[in-house]
Structures are given as structure tokens and as C-alpha cells.
Amino acid sequence: MYAIVEIKGQQFKVEQGEKMFVHHIKDAESGATVEFDRVLLIDEDGAITIGTPTVEGAKVVCEVVSPLVKGDKVLVFHKKRRKGHRKLNGHRQQFTEVNIKEIIA
């Protein structure tokens, strides 16, 4: 059984027992339970239910493993040729690690 759920503007394919990284959830604490109710699709052993736009009464229950995890550093380099202009910026995205406990259909 799997579901496609929208979390903070991104769509994820989730299965029970899976760990995943989502965009940072501000008020989440380690060990807390978080529910996501924007379920777009559910597959139960081949029986597919597609929402319009969401599936009624469906939700995904998650447990927060780590409330703040920093992603890899991304370097952004700007250069204008023959002008001597160079600029280097770095960015590290913040994530929350969650464990999928169950999918309620």
C-alpha cells in the first residue's frame, strides 16, 4: 500500500515504515506525531483511489525523528566575464526527518 501526499507544496510517494526528509516543519518536536491530510492518491493492492483534488477521510500519520536536519551545501557562483566581477554564495536547506507510521484510507 502506498499513497501520494502533498507536504508543504511538494508531492511525495510514501509507504508505511519509510523514513523521509520533508521541508522544515517549524513547531515539530522529536517524537511528536504529525498528520498530513492532503492525500492525492491511494493504492491498496492494485485498487487505486484518485482524489478530486484530495481523497476524503484519508491521512498519513508520521512521527518526527529529527526536527532539524541541514542538507548538503549548494554553492552559487556568479561571474561576469572580462569585468572582474565574481560572487560566491552558499546555501544549506533545512529539513525535518519523519518516519511514516501508517496510511489511513
N, C-alpha and C. Protein backbone atom coordinates (compact mmCIF):
# COMPACT_ATOMS: atom_id res chain seq x y z
N MET A 1 0.85 -1.18 0.00
CA MET A 1 0.00 0.00 0.00
C MET A 1 0.88 1.23 0.00
N TYR A 2 0.57 2.16 -0.87
CA TYR A 2 1.29 3.42 -0.88
C TYR A 2 0.31 4.55 -1.15
N ALA A 3 0.78 5.78 -0.89
CA ALA A 3 -0.04 6.95 -1.12
C ALA A 3 0.84 8.07 -1.66
N ILE A 4 0.22 8.96 -2.39
CA ILE A 4 0.90 10.19 -2.82
C ILE A 4 0.28 11.32 -2.03
N VAL A 5 1.13 12.01 -1.26
CA VAL A 5 0.66 13.04 -0.34
C VAL A 5 1.41 14.34 -0.62
N GLU A 6 0.72 15.45 -0.44
CA GLU A 6 1.33 16.76 -0.62
C GLU A 6 1.72 17.31 0.75
N ILE A 7 3.02 17.60 0.90
CA ILE A 7 3.55 18.13 2.16
C ILE A 7 4.32 19.41 1.85
N LYS A 8 3.83 20.53 2.36
CA LYS A 8 4.49 21.83 2.18
C LYS A 8 4.75 22.13 0.70
N GLY A 9 3.78 21.85 -0.17
CA GLY A 9 3.90 22.20 -1.57
C GLY A 9 4.62 21.18 -2.43
N GLN A 10 5.12 20.09 -1.86
CA GLN A 10 5.79 19.05 -2.63
C GLN A 10 5.01 17.76 -2.52
N GLN A 11 5.03 16.95 -3.58
CA GLN A 11 4.34 15.68 -3.58
C GLN A 11 5.33 14.55 -3.34
N PHE A 12 4.97 13.63 -2.43
CA PHE A 12 5.83 12.51 -2.08
C PHE A 12 5.05 11.21 -2.21
N LYS A 13 5.73 10.15 -2.65
CA LYS A 13 5.17 8.81 -2.63
C LYS A 13 5.63 8.18 -1.32
N VAL A 14 4.68 7.81 -0.45
CA VAL A 14 5.02 7.32 0.88
C VAL A 14 4.49 5.90 1.07
N GLU A 15 5.23 5.11 1.83
CA GLU A 15 4.82 3.78 2.23
C GLU A 15 5.04 3.66 3.73
N GLN A 16 4.33 2.74 4.35
CA GLN A 16 4.43 2.56 5.80
C GLN A 16 5.83 2.08 6.16
N GLY A 17 6.40 2.66 7.24
CA GLY A 17 7.72 2.28 7.72
C GLY A 17 8.87 2.99 7.03
N GLU A 18 8.59 3.88 6.11
CA GLU A 18 9.62 4.57 5.34
C GLU A 18 10.06 5.84 6.05
N LYS A 19 11.36 6.15 6.01
CA LYS A 19 11.87 7.42 6.54
C LYS A 19 12.11 8.36 5.37
N MET A 20 11.78 9.63 5.58
CA MET A 20 11.95 10.60 4.50
C MET A 20 12.23 11.98 5.07
N PHE A 21 12.77 12.84 4.22
CA PHE A 21 13.08 14.22 4.58
C PHE A 21 12.08 15.13 3.89
N VAL A 22 11.42 15.99 4.67
CA VAL A 22 10.49 16.98 4.14
C VAL A 22 11.01 18.37 4.53
N HIS A 23 10.47 19.40 3.88
CA HIS A 23 10.88 20.75 4.24
C HIS A 23 10.61 21.00 5.73
N HIS A 24 11.38 21.85 6.33
CA HIS A 24 11.37 22.07 7.78
C HIS A 24 9.98 22.42 8.29
N ILE A 25 9.53 21.67 9.30
CA ILE A 25 8.27 21.92 9.99
C ILE A 25 8.61 22.67 11.27
N LYS A 26 8.16 23.90 11.42
CA LYS A 26 8.63 24.78 12.50
C LYS A 26 8.34 24.28 13.90
N ASP A 27 7.11 23.88 14.19
CA ASP A 27 6.74 23.56 15.56
C ASP A 27 6.88 22.07 15.88
N ALA A 28 7.60 21.33 15.08
CA ALA A 28 7.74 19.90 15.31
C ALA A 28 8.81 19.63 16.36
N GLU A 29 8.53 18.68 17.25
CA GLU A 29 9.50 18.24 18.25
C GLU A 29 9.82 16.78 18.01
N SER A 30 10.97 16.35 18.46
CA SER A 30 11.38 14.97 18.27
C SER A 30 10.43 14.03 19.00
N GLY A 31 9.92 13.02 18.30
CA GLY A 31 8.99 12.06 18.88
C GLY A 31 7.53 12.46 18.74
N ALA A 32 7.25 13.66 18.25
CA ALA A 32 5.87 14.12 18.10
C ALA A 32 5.21 13.45 16.89
N THR A 33 3.89 13.39 16.90
CA THR A 33 3.13 12.82 15.80
C THR A 33 2.57 13.94 14.93
N VAL A 34 2.75 13.80 13.62
CA VAL A 34 2.28 14.80 12.65
C VAL A 34 1.37 14.09 11.66
N GLU A 35 0.25 14.72 11.32
CA GLU A 35 -0.69 14.15 10.35
C GLU A 35 -0.77 15.05 9.12
N PHE A 36 -0.76 14.43 7.94
CA PHE A 36 -0.89 15.14 6.68
C PHE A 36 -2.17 14.63 6.02
N ASP A 37 -3.10 15.55 5.73
CA ASP A 37 -4.39 15.14 5.19
C ASP A 37 -4.57 15.47 3.71
N ARG A 38 -3.56 16.02 3.05
CA ARG A 38 -3.64 16.31 1.61
C ARG A 38 -3.17 15.08 0.83
N VAL A 39 -3.95 14.00 0.89
CA VAL A 39 -3.64 12.76 0.19
C VAL A 39 -4.27 12.83 -1.19
N LEU A 40 -3.43 12.71 -2.24
CA LEU A 40 -3.91 12.86 -3.60
C LEU A 40 -4.28 11.53 -4.25
N LEU A 41 -3.62 10.44 -3.83
CA LEU A 41 -3.85 9.13 -4.43
C LEU A 41 -3.52 8.05 -3.42
N ILE A 42 -4.29 6.96 -3.44
CA ILE A 42 -4.03 5.80 -2.57
C ILE A 42 -4.10 4.55 -3.42
N ASP A 43 -3.11 3.66 -3.25
CA ASP A 43 -3.10 2.37 -3.93
C ASP A 43 -3.13 1.27 -2.88
N GLU A 44 -4.25 0.53 -2.82
CA GLU A 44 -4.39 -0.59 -1.88
C GLU A 44 -4.40 -1.88 -2.67
N ASP A 45 -3.23 -2.49 -2.84
CA ASP A 45 -3.09 -3.78 -3.54
C ASP A 45 -3.73 -3.75 -4.93
N GLY A 46 -3.47 -2.70 -5.68
CA GLY A 46 -3.98 -2.60 -7.04
C GLY A 46 -5.26 -1.80 -7.19
N ALA A 47 -5.98 -1.57 -6.08
CA ALA A 47 -7.19 -0.74 -6.14
C ALA A 47 -6.79 0.71 -5.92
N ILE A 48 -6.82 1.49 -6.99
CA ILE A 48 -6.34 2.87 -6.94
C ILE A 48 -7.50 3.82 -6.72
N THR A 49 -7.35 4.72 -5.74
CA THR A 49 -8.33 5.77 -5.47
C THR A 49 -7.67 7.11 -5.74
N ILE A 50 -8.24 7.87 -6.65
CA ILE A 50 -7.70 9.18 -7.00
C ILE A 50 -8.63 10.24 -6.44
N GLY A 51 -8.06 11.23 -5.76
CA GLY A 51 -8.84 12.29 -5.16
C GLY A 51 -9.20 13.38 -6.14
N THR A 52 -10.23 14.16 -5.79
CA THR A 52 -10.64 15.28 -6.63
C THR A 52 -10.76 16.54 -5.79
N PRO A 53 -9.79 17.26 -5.40
CA PRO A 53 -8.36 17.04 -5.59
C PRO A 53 -7.74 16.13 -4.52
N THR A 54 -8.42 15.90 -3.39
CA THR A 54 -7.87 15.02 -2.36
C THR A 54 -8.84 13.89 -2.07
N VAL A 55 -8.33 12.82 -1.46
CA VAL A 55 -9.16 11.68 -1.09
C VAL A 55 -9.83 12.00 0.24
N GLU A 56 -11.16 11.86 0.29
CA GLU A 56 -11.92 12.19 1.50
C GLU A 56 -11.59 11.21 2.64
N GLY A 57 -11.30 11.75 3.81
CA GLY A 57 -11.07 10.94 5.00
C GLY A 57 -9.73 10.26 5.06
N ALA A 58 -8.87 10.48 4.09
CA ALA A 58 -7.56 9.84 4.08
C ALA A 58 -6.52 10.75 4.71
N LYS A 59 -5.58 10.15 5.43
CA LYS A 59 -4.48 10.92 6.01
C LYS A 59 -3.28 10.02 6.22
N VAL A 60 -2.12 10.65 6.36
CA VAL A 60 -0.87 9.95 6.60
C VAL A 60 -0.37 10.38 7.97
N VAL A 61 -0.11 9.42 8.84
CA VAL A 61 0.35 9.69 10.21
C VAL A 61 1.85 9.44 10.24
N CYS A 62 2.61 10.45 10.71
CA CYS A 62 4.07 10.38 10.74
C CYS A 62 4.57 10.68 12.15
N GLU A 63 5.77 10.20 12.43
CA GLU A 63 6.45 10.51 13.68
C GLU A 63 7.72 11.27 13.34
N VAL A 64 7.98 12.36 14.05
CA VAL A 64 9.16 13.18 13.78
C VAL A 64 10.38 12.51 14.42
N VAL A 65 11.36 12.16 13.58
CA VAL A 65 12.59 11.54 14.07
C VAL A 65 13.58 12.62 14.49
N SER A 66 13.80 13.58 13.61
CA SER A 66 14.71 14.68 13.88
C SER A 66 14.08 15.97 13.36
N PRO A 67 13.84 16.97 14.24
CA PRO A 67 13.13 18.16 13.79
C PRO A 67 13.93 19.08 12.88
N LEU A 68 15.25 19.04 12.93
CA LEU A 68 16.06 19.93 12.10
C LEU A 68 17.29 19.20 11.59
N VAL A 69 17.34 19.00 10.28
CA VAL A 69 18.48 18.39 9.61
C VAL A 69 18.87 19.33 8.49
N LYS A 70 20.16 19.63 8.38
CA LYS A 70 20.62 20.50 7.31
C LYS A 70 21.08 19.67 6.13
N GLY A 71 20.68 20.09 4.93
CA GLY A 71 21.05 19.39 3.72
C GLY A 71 22.47 19.74 3.29
N ASP A 72 22.88 19.20 2.16
CA ASP A 72 24.19 19.48 1.62
C ASP A 72 24.30 20.94 1.20
N LYS A 73 25.53 21.46 1.25
CA LYS A 73 25.75 22.85 0.86
C LYS A 73 25.74 22.96 -0.66
N VAL A 74 25.00 23.96 -1.15
CA VAL A 74 24.93 24.25 -2.58
C VAL A 74 25.63 25.58 -2.79
N LEU A 75 26.62 25.60 -3.67
CA LEU A 75 27.35 26.81 -3.97
C LEU A 75 26.80 27.46 -5.23
N VAL A 76 26.54 28.78 -5.15
CA VAL A 76 26.02 29.54 -6.28
C VAL A 76 27.10 30.55 -6.65
N PHE A 77 27.64 30.43 -7.87
CA PHE A 77 28.75 31.27 -8.30
C PHE A 77 28.31 32.13 -9.47
N HIS A 78 28.47 33.45 -9.34
CA HIS A 78 28.14 34.39 -10.41
C HIS A 78 29.42 35.03 -10.89
N LYS A 79 29.55 35.17 -12.21
CA LYS A 79 30.73 35.79 -12.79
C LYS A 79 30.34 36.53 -14.05
N LYS A 80 30.90 37.72 -14.22
CA LYS A 80 30.73 38.46 -15.46
C LYS A 80 32.11 38.51 -16.13
N ARG A 81 32.18 37.99 -17.30
CA ARG A 81 33.49 37.86 -17.94
C ARG A 81 34.07 39.22 -18.32
N ARG A 82 35.37 39.32 -18.21
CA ARG A 82 36.16 40.50 -18.55
C ARG A 82 35.87 41.71 -17.67
N LYS A 83 35.11 41.57 -16.61
CA LYS A 83 34.78 42.71 -15.76
C LYS A 83 35.40 42.59 -14.37
N GLY A 84 35.91 41.42 -14.03
CA GLY A 84 36.50 41.23 -12.70
C GLY A 84 35.45 41.04 -11.62
N HIS A 85 34.21 40.75 -12.02
CA HIS A 85 33.12 40.58 -11.06
C HIS A 85 32.91 39.10 -10.78
N ARG A 86 33.08 38.73 -9.50
CA ARG A 86 32.82 37.36 -9.07
C ARG A 86 32.11 37.41 -7.73
N LYS A 87 31.12 36.53 -7.55
CA LYS A 87 30.38 36.49 -6.30
C LYS A 87 30.05 35.02 -6.00
N LEU A 88 30.28 34.61 -4.76
CA LEU A 88 30.04 33.23 -4.35
C LEU A 88 29.09 33.21 -3.16
N ASN A 89 27.97 32.52 -3.30
CA ASN A 89 27.01 32.36 -2.21
C ASN A 89 26.84 30.89 -1.91
N GLY A 90 26.61 30.57 -0.63
CA GLY A 90 26.33 29.19 -0.24
C GLY A 90 24.96 29.11 0.40
N HIS A 91 24.33 27.92 0.30
CA HIS A 91 23.00 27.72 0.87
C HIS A 91 22.88 26.29 1.38
N ARG A 92 22.30 26.13 2.58
CA ARG A 92 22.00 24.80 3.11
C ARG A 92 20.53 24.77 3.48
N GLN A 93 19.77 23.90 2.82
CA GLN A 93 18.33 23.78 3.06
C GLN A 93 18.09 23.05 4.38
N GLN A 94 17.05 23.47 5.11
CA GLN A 94 16.68 22.83 6.37
C GLN A 94 15.55 21.84 6.11
N PHE A 95 15.71 20.63 6.68
CA PHE A 95 14.73 19.57 6.52
C PHE A 95 14.29 19.05 7.88
N THR A 96 13.17 18.31 7.88
CA THR A 96 12.70 17.57 9.05
C THR A 96 12.62 16.11 8.62
N GLU A 97 13.22 15.21 9.42
CA GLU A 97 13.18 13.79 9.11
C GLU A 97 11.96 13.17 9.79
N VAL A 98 11.12 12.49 9.01
CA VAL A 98 9.91 11.87 9.55
C VAL A 98 9.89 10.38 9.19
N ASN A 99 9.21 9.61 10.04
CA ASN A 99 9.01 8.18 9.82
C ASN A 99 7.51 7.97 9.59
N ILE A 100 7.14 7.32 8.50
CA ILE A 100 5.73 7.09 8.17
C ILE A 100 5.22 5.94 9.03
N LYS A 101 4.28 6.23 9.93
CA LYS A 101 3.74 5.19 10.82
C LYS A 101 2.60 4.41 10.17
N GLU A 102 1.63 5.14 9.58
CA GLU A 102 0.51 4.44 8.94
C GLU A 102 -0.18 5.35 7.92
N ILE A 103 -0.86 4.70 6.99
CA ILE A 103 -1.67 5.39 6.00
C ILE A 103 -3.12 5.00 6.25
N ILE A 104 -3.94 6.00 6.57
CA ILE A 104 -5.35 5.75 6.86
C ILE A 104 -6.16 6.12 5.63
N ALA A 105 -6.88 5.13 5.07
CA ALA A 105 -7.66 5.37 3.86
C ALA A 105 -9.14 5.42 4.16
